[in-house]
Amino acid sequence: MARIGAVVVAAGLSSRMKSFKPLLPFEDTTIAKHIVQMLKRNGADPILMVTGYRADELESHLAQTGIRFLRNERYKETQMFDSVRMGIEAIIDECDKIMLMPVDTPAIRQKTFSQVMKIDADMVRTVYGGEPGHPILLKKEVARKLCGYQGDRGLRGAMEESGISITNLIVDDKGVNWDVDTQAEYEEMIDWNFRQGEGYPIHPIVRIDLAAGEVFYGPVTARLMENVERTGSIQEACSQVGLSYSKGSRMLKGAEKQLGFRILERWTGGTGGGGSRLTAEGKRLLSCYYAMEEEMQNHMTAVFQKCFSNGLRE
């Protein structure tokens, strides 16, 4: 049986994506770990990931998966094909065939991997809706030839210039050419994957409540105070938060009672009518609460990845 290795390219920095793509949630784990799991389930060995941007973080995240890593230290100056070439050259002597794919195409179905790996051809690529996609499977001799390409058109240019026949596998799998370059594309892909029955990614939600003699402050109170400061009106702030005026007022007065000082200034009458705004202490309370919430969310995300990133599926 032919030994099929895999090269996953994860070196580059996406200028359009604010988040680090390999560690974005996908199904019950992360994009990077999901791709590794899919390759392993289909028998790929060895699996090599070419890293670059935030390499330490990604390699640590995948340390227990048993895959190999190779760093493209010049990822800022080189193209994706340079990382592909590095990966091929690192494992080619151990493989009969090599599968190539980028790290940002996690929606490919397991069935598609299996179909590609069963085809005995020099070069196999998937096609959906008339557009070529991933993964790409190469015989060893073909992979060597591609590595000699000196043009500037990347992997596609190397494939076309090689003169080697390409076997196109037509698949009913949108995921083969659905990469994640923007937040909108990521969210659309997550929704689509959910509609295929694969579930939404799980993630922790941090809720912080403050207590003195009793619990008196939480996310709703913070939003209420923020809206009071912005609108100058408790009634309007309550409406925007979805509370009745009486309930919102009780929450604010209850917070003041527990704290022992005023968090709102209230006035009536005058040229512009009555109004409200935060006291200096109220502004400090709101600022401290949001700062704590952000720091706790960052910490919780790290803890979540440590505890849950291996996934829940067998």
Protein backbone atom coordinates (compact mmCIF):
# COMPACT_ATOMS: atom_id res chain seq x y z
CA MET A 1 0.00 0.00 0.00
CA ALA A 2 1.29 3.44 -0.94
CA ARG A 3 2.44 5.57 1.95
CA ILE A 4 0.79 8.98 1.77
CA GLY A 5 2.27 11.90 3.66
CA ALA A 6 0.76 15.36 4.02
CA VAL A 7 2.08 18.90 3.99
CA VAL A 8 -0.13 21.52 5.66
CA VAL A 9 0.93 25.10 5.02
CA ALA A 10 0.34 27.43 7.98
CA ALA A 11 3.21 29.90 7.69
CA GLY A 12 1.62 33.05 6.35
CA LEU A 13 0.04 36.10 7.95
CA SER A 14 -3.42 37.05 6.71
CA SER A 15 -3.66 40.83 6.57
CA ARG A 16 -7.46 40.72 6.22
CA MET A 17 -8.15 38.43 9.16
CA LYS A 18 -7.88 40.01 12.59
CA SER A 19 -7.71 36.65 14.37
CA PHE A 20 -5.06 33.92 14.05
CA LYS A 21 -6.78 31.57 11.61
CA PRO A 22 -5.30 28.21 12.70
CA LEU A 23 -6.60 28.66 16.26
CA LEU A 24 -10.10 29.82 15.37
CA PRO A 25 -12.81 27.48 16.72
CA PHE A 26 -14.16 24.87 14.32
CA GLU A 27 -16.65 22.14 15.22
CA ASP A 28 -15.48 20.85 18.62
CA THR A 29 -11.85 21.96 18.34
CA THR A 30 -9.77 24.45 16.30
CA ILE A 31 -9.22 24.81 12.56
CA ALA A 32 -5.63 23.53 12.76
CA LYS A 33 -6.38 20.57 15.00
CA HIS A 34 -9.47 19.63 12.98
CA ILE A 35 -7.41 19.42 9.77
CA VAL A 36 -4.76 17.31 11.48
CA GLN A 37 -7.43 14.96 12.86
CA MET A 38 -9.03 14.57 9.42
CA LEU A 39 -5.68 13.69 7.84
CA LYS A 40 -4.85 11.20 10.57
CA ARG A 41 -8.26 9.52 10.29
CA ASN A 42 -7.55 8.97 6.61
CA GLY A 43 -4.15 7.43 7.26
CA ALA A 44 -1.81 10.25 6.25
CA ASP A 45 1.68 9.68 7.69
CA PRO A 46 3.87 11.59 8.16
CA ILE A 47 2.02 14.88 8.56
CA LEU A 48 4.21 17.97 8.37
CA MET A 49 2.99 21.48 9.12
CA VAL A 50 5.02 24.38 7.81
CA THR A 51 4.76 27.20 10.34
CA GLY A 52 5.95 30.80 10.43
CA TYR A 53 3.76 33.53 11.89
CA ARG A 54 3.10 32.81 15.60
CA ALA A 55 4.92 29.50 15.16
CA ASP A 56 5.60 28.93 18.87
CA GLU A 57 1.92 29.27 19.71
CA LEU A 58 0.72 26.98 16.92
CA GLU A 59 3.34 24.31 17.54
CA SER A 60 2.55 24.30 21.25
CA HIS A 61 -1.15 23.94 20.46
CA LEU A 62 -0.49 20.89 18.28
CA ALA A 63 2.37 19.41 20.31
CA GLN A 64 0.40 16.34 21.43
CA THR A 65 -0.89 15.40 17.96
CA GLY A 66 2.31 13.64 16.89
CA ILE A 67 2.79 15.67 13.71
CA ARG A 68 6.04 17.30 12.63
CA PHE A 69 6.84 20.98 12.19
CA LEU A 70 9.12 22.90 9.89
CA ARG A 71 9.50 26.66 10.21
CA ASN A 72 9.66 29.03 7.30
CA GLU A 73 11.60 31.75 9.09
CA ARG A 74 11.27 33.99 6.03
CA TYR A 75 7.48 33.73 5.81
CA LYS A 76 7.13 37.52 5.53
CA GLU A 77 9.29 37.60 2.41
CA THR A 78 8.27 34.38 0.67
CA GLN A 79 5.16 33.00 -1.03
CA MET A 80 2.98 30.05 -0.09
CA PHE A 81 4.67 27.90 -2.74
CA ASP A 82 8.01 28.38 -0.99
CA SER A 83 6.49 26.81 2.13
CA VAL A 84 4.99 24.03 -0.01
CA ARG A 85 8.41 23.31 -1.51
CA MET A 86 10.04 23.24 1.93
CA GLY A 87 7.45 20.78 3.19
CA ILE A 88 7.72 18.47 0.20
CA GLU A 89 11.51 18.35 0.37
CA ALA A 90 11.38 17.54 4.09
CA ILE A 91 9.28 14.36 3.80
CA ILE A 92 9.52 13.23 0.17
CA ASP A 93 11.96 10.40 0.83
CA GLU A 94 9.49 8.82 3.27
CA CYS A 95 6.43 8.88 1.03
CA ASP A 96 5.07 7.40 -2.16
CA LYS A 97 2.57 10.26 -2.44
CA ILE A 98 2.19 13.66 -0.80
CA MET A 99 -1.04 15.50 -0.06
CA LEU A 100 -0.94 19.29 -0.05
CA MET A 101 -3.34 21.71 1.60
CA PRO A 102 -3.44 25.09 3.33
CA VAL A 103 -4.43 25.35 6.98
CA ASP A 104 -7.45 27.58 6.31
CA THR A 105 -9.71 25.06 4.51
CA PRO A 106 -11.26 23.13 7.41
CA ALA A 107 -14.70 22.50 5.89
CA ILE A 108 -13.52 19.74 3.53
CA ARG A 109 -15.53 16.57 4.18
CA GLN A 110 -13.81 13.42 5.36
CA LYS A 111 -15.34 11.56 2.42
CA THR A 112 -13.47 13.89 0.05
CA PHE A 113 -10.11 13.08 1.64
CA SER A 114 -10.88 9.40 1.31
CA GLN A 115 -11.88 9.74 -2.36
CA VAL A 116 -8.71 11.63 -3.24
CA MET A 117 -6.44 9.15 -1.52
CA LYS A 118 -7.94 6.18 -3.37
CA ILE A 119 -7.15 7.53 -6.85
CA ASP A 120 -3.99 6.18 -8.46
CA ALA A 121 -2.81 9.04 -10.66
CA ASP A 122 0.24 11.28 -10.98
CA MET A 123 -1.61 14.35 -9.78
CA VAL A 124 -5.12 14.56 -8.29
CA ARG A 125 -7.01 17.71 -7.39
CA THR A 126 -10.57 18.32 -6.33
CA VAL A 127 -12.99 20.47 -8.30
CA TYR A 128 -16.26 21.97 -7.07
CA GLY A 129 -18.51 24.16 -9.19
CA GLY A 130 -15.89 24.27 -11.92
CA GLU A 131 -13.23 25.67 -9.55
CA PRO A 132 -10.14 23.67 -8.48
CA GLY A 133 -9.64 23.16 -4.77
CA HIS A 134 -7.85 21.14 -2.10
CA PRO A 135 -6.50 18.75 -1.15
CA ILE A 136 -4.02 18.03 -3.96
CA LEU A 137 -2.34 14.63 -4.12
CA LEU A 138 0.98 14.11 -5.91
CA LYS A 139 3.09 11.07 -6.63
CA LYS A 140 6.65 11.37 -5.37
CA GLU A 141 8.16 11.91 -8.83
CA VAL A 142 5.64 14.65 -9.61
CA ALA A 143 6.29 16.37 -6.29
CA ARG A 144 10.03 16.42 -7.05
CA LYS A 145 9.37 17.97 -10.44
CA LEU A 146 7.14 20.67 -8.97
CA CYS A 147 9.85 21.63 -6.51
CA GLY A 148 12.06 22.58 -9.44
CA TYR A 149 9.63 25.26 -10.63
CA GLN A 150 11.26 28.69 -10.72
CA GLY A 151 8.35 30.79 -11.93
CA ASP A 152 6.32 33.33 -9.99
CA ARG A 153 2.83 31.83 -10.35
CA GLY A 154 2.93 29.66 -7.26
CA LEU A 155 1.65 26.12 -6.96
CA ARG A 156 -0.88 26.49 -9.76
CA GLY A 157 1.83 27.75 -12.09
CA ALA A 158 4.10 24.86 -11.13
CA MET A 159 1.32 22.35 -11.79
CA GLU A 160 0.46 23.81 -15.18
CA GLU A 161 4.06 24.22 -16.35
CA SER A 162 5.02 20.68 -15.33
CA GLY A 163 3.13 19.21 -18.29
CA ILE A 164 1.96 16.36 -16.09
CA SER A 165 -1.63 15.25 -16.56
CA ILE A 166 -3.96 16.43 -13.80
CA THR A 167 -6.78 14.14 -12.74
CA ASN A 168 -9.70 16.29 -11.62
CA LEU A 169 -11.99 14.74 -9.03
CA ILE A 170 -15.41 16.39 -9.29
CA VAL A 171 -16.86 16.52 -5.78
CA ASP A 172 -20.07 17.71 -4.20
CA ASP A 173 -18.14 19.42 -1.42
CA LYS A 174 -18.11 23.21 -1.21
CA GLY A 175 -15.39 23.02 1.42
CA VAL A 176 -12.64 22.14 -1.08
CA ASN A 177 -12.30 25.73 -2.30
CA TRP A 178 -13.64 27.57 0.72
CA ASP A 179 -10.73 29.20 2.52
CA VAL A 180 -11.01 31.62 5.40
CA ASP A 181 -9.55 35.02 4.54
CA THR A 182 -11.95 37.36 6.34
CA GLN A 183 -14.12 37.31 9.44
CA ALA A 184 -17.22 37.34 7.24
CA GLU A 185 -16.02 34.27 5.31
CA TYR A 186 -15.28 32.47 8.56
CA GLU A 187 -18.73 33.20 9.99
CA GLU A 188 -20.41 32.16 6.73
CA MET A 189 -18.46 28.91 6.70
CA ILE A 190 -19.38 28.17 10.31
CA ASP A 191 -23.08 28.69 9.52
CA TRP A 192 -22.82 26.50 6.43
CA ASN A 193 -21.03 23.75 8.34
CA PHE A 194 -23.74 23.87 11.01
CA ARG A 195 -26.40 23.39 8.33
CA GLN A 196 -24.54 20.26 7.22
CA GLY A 197 -25.17 18.83 10.69
CA GLU A 198 -21.63 19.30 12.00
CA GLY A 199 -22.48 21.64 14.86
CA TYR A 200 -21.33 25.09 15.89
CA PRO A 201 -17.94 25.57 17.55
CA ILE A 202 -18.16 25.63 21.31
CA HIS A 203 -16.60 28.49 23.25
CA PRO A 204 -16.61 29.75 26.85
CA ILE A 205 -18.68 32.73 27.92
CA VAL A 206 -17.43 34.73 30.86
CA ARG A 207 -20.03 36.30 33.12
CA ILE A 208 -18.74 38.31 36.04
CA ASP A 209 -20.99 39.24 38.95
CA LEU A 210 -19.83 41.46 41.78
CA ALA A 211 -21.07 40.95 45.32
CA ALA A 212 -20.86 42.91 48.56
CA GLY A 213 -23.46 41.89 51.12
CA GLU A 214 -25.21 40.29 48.13
CA VAL A 215 -24.79 40.13 44.36
CA PHE A 216 -25.41 43.64 43.09
CA TYR A 217 -23.62 44.07 39.77
CA GLY A 218 -23.29 42.14 36.51
CA PRO A 219 -23.34 42.49 32.70
CA VAL A 220 -26.84 43.96 32.57
CA THR A 221 -26.08 46.57 35.23
CA ALA A 222 -22.91 47.53 33.36
CA ARG A 223 -24.79 47.96 30.08
CA LEU A 224 -27.46 49.97 31.90
CA MET A 225 -24.86 52.33 33.34
CA GLU A 226 -23.12 52.66 29.98
CA ASN A 227 -26.40 53.63 28.34
CA VAL A 228 -27.26 56.13 31.09
CA GLU A 229 -23.95 57.88 30.49
CA ARG A 230 -24.51 57.89 26.72
CA THR A 231 -28.18 58.96 26.71
CA GLY A 232 -28.42 61.01 29.92
CA SER A 233 -31.67 59.21 30.73
CA ILE A 234 -32.38 56.24 32.99
CA GLN A 235 -35.67 55.62 31.20
CA GLU A 236 -34.02 55.53 27.77
CA ALA A 237 -31.19 53.37 29.08
CA CYS A 238 -33.70 50.88 30.53
CA SER A 239 -35.55 50.74 27.23
CA GLN A 240 -32.36 49.97 25.29
CA VAL A 241 -31.40 47.19 27.71
CA GLY A 242 -34.91 45.73 27.67
CA LEU A 243 -35.82 46.52 31.27
CA SER A 244 -38.77 48.34 32.72
CA TYR A 245 -37.97 51.71 34.26
CA SER A 246 -38.92 50.51 37.71
CA LYS A 247 -36.70 47.41 37.54
CA GLY A 248 -33.74 49.31 36.13
CA SER A 249 -34.03 51.99 38.80
CA ARG A 250 -34.15 49.32 41.54
CA MET A 251 -30.98 47.71 40.16
CA LEU A 252 -29.08 51.00 40.18
CA LYS A 253 -30.29 52.00 43.64
CA GLY A 254 -29.51 48.51 44.93
CA ALA A 255 -25.95 48.82 43.63
CA GLU A 256 -25.55 52.16 45.38
CA LYS A 257 -26.83 50.66 48.62
CA GLN A 258 -24.35 47.79 48.50
CA LEU A 259 -21.45 50.09 47.61
CA GLY A 260 -22.29 52.81 50.10
CA PHE A 261 -21.84 55.62 47.58
CA ARG A 262 -23.64 57.07 44.59
CA ILE A 263 -22.85 55.89 41.10
CA LEU A 264 -25.37 58.23 39.41
CA GLU A 265 -26.09 61.91 39.56
CA ARG A 266 -29.79 62.64 39.03
CA TRP A 267 -31.45 66.00 38.53
CA THR A 268 -34.94 67.20 37.71
CA GLY A 269 -36.40 70.25 36.02
CA GLY A 270 -34.31 73.00 34.47
CA THR A 271 -34.21 74.18 30.88
CA GLY A 272 -33.55 70.74 29.40
CA GLY A 273 -35.66 68.80 31.87
CA GLY A 274 -34.36 66.08 34.16
CA GLY A 275 -31.49 63.73 33.49
CA SER A 276 -28.82 61.44 34.87
CA ARG A 277 -25.12 60.75 34.42
CA LEU A 278 -22.43 58.68 36.09
CA THR A 279 -20.52 60.04 39.04
CA ALA A 280 -16.73 59.84 39.01
CA GLU A 281 -17.06 56.68 41.17
CA GLY A 282 -19.63 55.26 38.76
CA LYS A 283 -17.31 55.79 35.78
CA ARG A 284 -14.49 54.10 37.67
CA LEU A 285 -16.71 51.15 38.56
CA LEU A 286 -17.75 50.68 34.93
CA SER A 287 -14.18 51.00 33.64
CA CYS A 288 -12.81 48.52 36.20
CA TYR A 289 -15.59 46.04 35.48
CA TYR A 290 -14.99 46.06 31.71
CA ALA A 291 -11.21 45.79 32.18
CA MET A 292 -11.68 42.79 34.47
CA GLU A 293 -14.14 41.22 32.04
CA GLU A 294 -11.68 41.53 29.13
CA GLU A 295 -8.79 40.09 31.12
CA MET A 296 -10.91 37.20 32.38
CA GLN A 297 -12.12 36.45 28.86
CA ASN A 298 -8.54 36.28 27.57
CA HIS A 299 -7.55 33.99 30.44
CA MET A 300 -10.63 31.83 29.97
CA THR A 301 -9.90 31.43 26.26
CA ALA A 302 -6.44 30.08 27.08
CA VAL A 303 -7.85 27.70 29.70
CA PHE A 304 -10.57 26.57 27.30
CA GLN A 305 -8.04 25.76 24.58
CA LYS A 306 -5.97 23.80 27.08
CA CYS A 307 -8.94 21.76 28.28
CA PHE A 308 -11.12 21.41 25.18
CA SER A 309 -8.96 21.83 22.07
CA ASN A 310 -8.44 18.08 21.62
CA GLY A 311 -12.09 17.89 20.67
CA LEU A 312 -14.88 15.75 22.03
CA ARG A 313 -15.41 13.32 19.15
CA GLU A 314 -13.79 9.91 18.97
